[in-house]
Amino acid sequence: MEHHDETLRAYVRRMKADPHAIAVIAVGSVARGTERPDSDVDVYLVVPDDVFDAALAANRVIFVERTDATYPGGYVDVKLATVPFLRAAAERGDDPVRASFEGARVAWARAGHDIAGLVAAIPVLPSAVWESRAVSFISQARLHGTDFLREAVALDNTFLLHHAAVHTVAAGGRALLALNRRLYPGPKDLDATLAALDRVPDGYGDLARRLLKEPSREAADAYVDALEAFHDWPVDRVTSDSIFIRDTELAWFTAARGE
């Protein structure tokens, strides 16, 4: 909408005059063209490493700027970034940061910096990574939805029961996202993202809601069985146990070794 574009242009004009500013990257609904009239303007402000480090130490890597808003209640929601941050996000960023750059556009960049190329690479994952994710998350769904949930029922452990149910649905949902080559935007948008996909089991949403609202062995079995019947997952149940351990209990160790 025009008032969002005006606000973004005003913010860019001010950042051009700031010697510490390297680039302004528009993200979120305004960049994707899905904004509401009252939406804020989300941006990443790229700055030098020392400026970012100082902001990190001062707990100011995200903040709101109202100076440039051209509409009532408007503001620019700013997250700081650096060129190495963008490069690292493209190489090994987690899903929420990758998803935040979907539809992003470089509103301005100082000469000599290939910001556009880095931004374009962030939301892209190779096919092998998607396949690895599918295997990892279906393994997690199996363990949480069977072993841990059944143990919770046997122990009458309310916390473990709800913990297992939430993690089963989270892992199952992310396995389906991987099948559909879609990034995980975060828990707030998981339901809506899955609902918009073509490749999901029939009645998936109802199965997930049932398990979350009234966690039980029957609800968990129905949910996991639907996932198992929907796709020929390239990992058997026994191997899933080791993959679960690798990606959860041993994550601190394998990550440190670069695996």
Protein backbone atom coordinates (compact mmCIF):
# COMPACT_ATOMS: atom_id res chain seq x y z
CA MET A 1 0.00 0.00 0.00
CA GLU A 2 1.19 3.50 -0.76
CA HIS A 3 1.51 4.64 2.86
CA HIS A 4 3.75 1.67 3.60
CA ASP A 5 5.91 2.43 0.57
CA GLU A 6 6.13 6.07 1.62
CA THR A 7 7.22 5.05 5.11
CA LEU A 8 9.85 2.68 3.72
CA ARG A 9 11.18 5.37 1.35
CA ALA A 10 11.40 7.86 4.24
CA TYR A 11 13.30 5.37 6.36
CA VAL A 12 15.69 4.58 3.49
CA ARG A 13 16.38 8.29 2.92
CA ARG A 14 17.38 8.66 6.54
CA MET A 15 19.55 5.53 6.51
CA LYS A 16 21.39 6.68 3.39
CA ALA A 17 22.66 9.59 5.45
CA ASP A 18 23.83 7.30 8.25
CA PRO A 19 27.49 6.32 7.67
CA HIS A 20 26.93 3.10 9.63
CA ALA A 21 24.10 1.86 7.40
CA ILE A 22 25.03 -0.63 4.66
CA ALA A 23 21.60 -1.73 3.41
CA VAL A 24 17.88 -1.80 4.15
CA ILE A 25 16.07 -5.05 3.36
CA ALA A 26 12.27 -5.00 3.33
CA VAL A 27 10.75 -8.21 4.68
CA GLY A 28 7.42 -9.40 6.00
CA SER A 29 3.98 -8.62 4.65
CA VAL A 30 4.93 -5.29 3.06
CA ALA A 31 7.70 -6.91 1.01
CA ARG A 32 5.41 -9.79 0.00
CA GLY A 33 2.45 -7.55 -0.83
CA THR A 34 0.16 -9.14 1.77
CA GLU A 35 0.04 -6.23 4.21
CA ARG A 36 -3.08 -4.88 5.92
CA PRO A 37 -3.71 -1.11 6.10
CA ASP A 38 -2.42 -1.05 9.69
CA SER A 39 0.60 -3.33 9.16
CA ASP A 40 4.00 -2.18 10.30
CA VAL A 41 6.99 -2.04 7.95
CA ASP A 42 9.49 -4.82 8.72
CA VAL A 43 13.12 -4.36 7.72
CA TYR A 44 16.58 -5.73 8.32
CA LEU A 45 19.09 -2.91 8.69
CA VAL A 46 22.54 -4.14 7.66
CA VAL A 47 25.35 -2.52 9.65
CA PRO A 48 29.10 -3.11 10.19
CA ASP A 49 30.17 -5.85 12.59
CA ASP A 50 31.27 -3.47 15.35
CA VAL A 51 27.94 -1.63 15.31
CA PHE A 52 26.07 -4.93 15.52
CA ASP A 53 28.29 -6.17 18.36
CA ALA A 54 27.70 -2.97 20.33
CA ALA A 55 23.94 -3.26 19.79
CA LEU A 56 24.04 -6.91 20.85
CA ALA A 57 25.85 -5.97 24.06
CA ALA A 58 23.27 -3.25 24.72
CA ASN A 59 20.33 -5.58 23.97
CA ARG A 60 19.25 -3.43 21.04
CA VAL A 61 19.36 -5.66 17.97
CA ILE A 62 15.64 -5.15 17.42
CA PHE A 63 13.75 -1.89 17.92
CA VAL A 64 10.93 0.26 16.60
CA GLU A 65 11.34 3.49 14.64
CA ARG A 66 8.31 5.80 14.47
CA THR A 67 10.04 8.85 13.00
CA ASP A 68 9.43 7.88 9.39
CA ALA A 69 5.86 6.60 9.62
CA THR A 70 3.45 8.37 7.27
CA TYR A 71 0.24 6.82 8.64
CA PRO A 72 -1.44 6.76 12.07
CA GLY A 73 -0.02 4.09 14.34
CA GLY A 74 2.61 3.10 11.79
CA TYR A 75 6.22 2.27 12.51
CA VAL A 76 9.28 0.55 11.11
CA ASP A 77 10.16 -2.66 12.93
CA VAL A 78 13.94 -2.90 12.65
CA LYS A 79 16.19 -5.93 13.10
CA LEU A 80 19.92 -5.44 12.81
CA ALA A 81 22.06 -7.69 10.65
CA THR A 82 25.54 -7.76 9.17
CA VAL A 83 26.97 -9.01 5.89
CA PRO A 84 28.49 -12.05 7.66
CA PHE A 85 25.07 -12.67 9.25
CA LEU A 86 23.44 -12.78 5.80
CA ARG A 87 26.15 -15.09 4.53
CA ALA A 88 25.79 -17.40 7.54
CA ALA A 89 21.99 -17.39 7.19
CA ALA A 90 22.34 -18.60 3.59
CA GLU A 91 24.79 -21.32 4.65
CA ARG A 92 23.30 -22.62 7.91
CA GLY A 93 20.42 -20.43 9.05
CA ASP A 94 17.49 -22.00 10.89
CA ASP A 95 14.03 -22.07 9.35
CA PRO A 96 12.52 -18.97 11.01
CA VAL A 97 15.37 -16.76 9.81
CA ARG A 98 15.27 -18.30 6.32
CA ALA A 99 11.49 -17.92 6.20
CA SER A 100 11.77 -14.28 7.25
CA PHE A 101 13.63 -13.60 3.98
CA GLU A 102 11.01 -15.21 1.73
CA GLY A 103 9.80 -12.48 -0.62
CA ALA A 104 12.40 -10.05 0.76
CA ARG A 105 13.59 -7.18 -1.40
CA VAL A 106 16.57 -4.92 -1.03
CA ALA A 107 15.17 -1.40 -0.66
CA TRP A 108 18.63 0.14 -0.75
CA ALA A 109 22.24 -1.01 -0.52
CA ARG A 110 25.45 0.98 -0.40
CA ALA A 111 27.66 0.51 -3.45
CA GLY A 112 30.17 -2.33 -3.25
CA HIS A 113 27.98 -4.81 -1.37
CA ASP A 114 26.21 -7.74 -3.08
CA ILE A 115 23.30 -7.73 -0.66
CA ALA A 116 20.74 -8.86 -3.23
CA GLY A 117 22.66 -12.05 -4.02
CA LEU A 118 22.97 -12.96 -0.34
CA VAL A 119 19.31 -12.25 0.36
CA ALA A 120 18.15 -14.36 -2.59
CA ALA A 121 20.20 -17.34 -1.33
CA ILE A 122 18.84 -17.39 2.23
CA PRO A 123 15.43 -19.07 1.69
CA VAL A 124 16.84 -21.71 -0.68
CA LEU A 125 17.70 -25.25 0.45
CA PRO A 126 19.10 -28.12 -1.66
CA SER A 127 16.93 -31.17 -2.31
CA ALA A 128 19.17 -33.39 -0.16
CA VAL A 129 18.58 -31.13 2.84
CA TRP A 130 14.82 -31.36 2.46
CA GLU A 131 15.05 -35.16 2.31
CA SER A 132 17.25 -35.24 5.41
CA ARG A 133 14.77 -33.04 7.25
CA ALA A 134 11.86 -35.28 6.35
CA VAL A 135 13.71 -38.27 7.79
CA SER A 136 14.68 -36.39 10.94
CA PHE A 137 11.20 -35.08 11.70
CA ILE A 138 9.27 -38.26 10.96
CA SER A 139 11.69 -40.00 13.33
CA GLN A 140 10.90 -37.45 16.02
CA ALA A 141 7.16 -37.77 15.45
CA ARG A 142 7.41 -41.53 15.82
CA LEU A 143 9.29 -41.39 19.12
CA HIS A 144 7.19 -38.63 20.69
CA GLY A 145 3.90 -40.04 19.44
CA THR A 146 4.51 -43.62 20.48
CA ASP A 147 7.21 -44.24 23.07
CA PHE A 148 7.01 -41.00 25.05
CA LEU A 149 3.26 -40.51 24.89
CA ARG A 150 2.58 -44.11 25.87
CA GLU A 151 5.02 -43.76 28.76
CA ALA A 152 3.17 -40.62 29.87
CA VAL A 153 -0.12 -42.51 29.89
CA ALA A 154 1.39 -45.40 31.84
CA LEU A 155 2.90 -43.04 34.40
CA ASP A 156 -0.16 -40.75 34.52
CA ASN A 157 2.29 -37.89 33.94
CA THR A 158 0.31 -34.87 32.74
CA PHE A 159 3.33 -32.78 31.80
CA LEU A 160 4.95 -35.56 29.78
CA LEU A 161 1.61 -36.30 28.10
CA HIS A 162 1.15 -32.75 26.82
CA HIS A 163 4.86 -32.39 26.04
CA ALA A 164 4.74 -35.53 23.90
CA ALA A 165 1.56 -34.43 22.13
CA VAL A 166 2.92 -30.98 21.23
CA HIS A 167 6.24 -32.38 20.04
CA THR A 168 4.50 -35.09 18.00
CA VAL A 169 2.44 -32.51 16.11
CA ALA A 170 5.37 -30.13 15.74
CA ALA A 171 7.61 -32.86 14.32
CA GLY A 172 4.88 -34.34 12.13
CA GLY A 173 4.04 -30.91 10.77
CA ARG A 174 7.66 -30.21 9.97
CA ALA A 175 8.01 -33.59 8.24
CA LEU A 176 5.12 -32.57 5.98
CA LEU A 177 6.68 -29.16 5.39
CA ALA A 178 9.86 -30.90 4.26
CA LEU A 179 7.89 -33.09 1.84
CA ASN A 180 6.36 -29.93 0.39
CA ARG A 181 9.69 -28.07 0.33
CA ARG A 182 8.37 -25.38 2.66
CA LEU A 183 10.25 -23.62 5.41
CA TYR A 184 8.99 -23.67 8.99
CA PRO A 185 7.98 -20.07 9.78
CA GLY A 186 7.54 -20.65 13.51
CA PRO A 187 4.80 -22.03 15.76
CA LYS A 188 2.39 -19.12 15.21
CA ASP A 189 2.07 -19.81 11.49
CA LEU A 190 2.45 -23.60 11.41
CA ASP A 191 -1.28 -24.38 11.18
CA ALA A 192 -1.92 -21.88 8.40
CA THR A 193 1.13 -23.00 6.44
CA LEU A 194 0.11 -26.66 6.60
CA ALA A 195 -3.50 -25.86 5.71
CA ALA A 196 -2.31 -24.25 2.46
CA LEU A 197 -0.30 -27.28 1.33
CA ASP A 198 -1.41 -29.84 -1.24
CA ARG A 199 0.51 -32.85 0.10
CA VAL A 200 -0.95 -33.57 3.52
CA PRO A 201 -3.01 -36.51 4.81
CA ASP A 202 -6.79 -36.21 4.54
CA GLY A 203 -8.21 -34.78 7.74
CA TYR A 204 -4.75 -33.82 8.97
CA GLY A 205 -5.89 -30.67 10.77
CA ASP A 206 -8.59 -32.52 12.71
CA LEU A 207 -6.16 -35.27 13.74
CA ALA A 208 -3.62 -32.73 14.97
CA ARG A 209 -6.21 -30.69 16.90
CA ARG A 210 -7.62 -33.82 18.52
CA LEU A 211 -4.18 -34.86 19.75
CA LEU A 212 -3.39 -31.40 21.09
CA LYS A 213 -6.75 -30.81 22.76
CA GLU A 214 -7.24 -34.26 24.26
CA PRO A 215 -3.90 -36.09 24.20
CA SER A 216 -4.31 -39.83 24.48
CA ARG A 217 -2.78 -42.99 23.11
CA GLU A 218 -5.69 -43.36 20.68
CA ALA A 219 -5.32 -39.81 19.36
CA ALA A 220 -1.56 -40.19 19.00
CA ASP A 221 -1.89 -43.52 17.20
CA ALA A 222 -4.41 -42.03 14.77
CA TYR A 223 -2.13 -39.07 14.05
CA VAL A 224 1.04 -41.12 13.57
CA ASP A 225 -0.77 -43.79 11.55
CA ALA A 226 -2.04 -41.10 9.17
CA LEU A 227 1.51 -39.87 8.62
CA GLU A 228 2.81 -43.40 8.07
CA ALA A 229 0.10 -44.27 5.54
CA PHE A 230 0.48 -40.99 3.67
CA HIS A 231 4.08 -41.36 2.55
CA ASP A 232 6.68 -44.09 2.13
CA TRP A 233 9.21 -42.54 4.48
CA PRO A 234 12.76 -43.67 3.59
CA VAL A 235 13.63 -44.71 7.15
CA ASP A 236 12.41 -47.66 9.18
CA ARG A 237 11.27 -47.54 12.78
CA VAL A 238 14.48 -49.04 14.22
CA THR A 239 16.70 -46.56 12.39
CA SER A 240 14.42 -43.74 13.54
CA ASP A 241 15.53 -44.37 17.12
CA SER A 242 19.17 -43.61 16.30
CA ILE A 243 18.25 -40.62 14.13
CA PHE A 244 16.20 -39.23 17.00
CA ILE A 245 19.15 -39.55 19.37
CA ARG A 246 21.49 -37.98 16.80
CA ASP A 247 19.26 -34.96 16.23
CA THR A 248 18.12 -34.36 19.81
CA GLU A 249 20.26 -35.80 22.59
CA LEU A 250 23.50 -35.62 20.57
CA ALA A 251 22.77 -32.34 18.76
CA TRP A 252 25.15 -30.39 21.00
CA PHE A 253 27.95 -32.83 20.15
CA THR A 254 27.35 -33.35 16.43
CA ALA A 255 26.86 -29.61 15.85
CA ALA A 256 30.21 -28.87 17.46
CA ARG A 257 31.83 -31.34 15.06
CA GLY A 258 30.14 -29.70 12.06
CA GLU A 259 27.98 -32.73 11.28
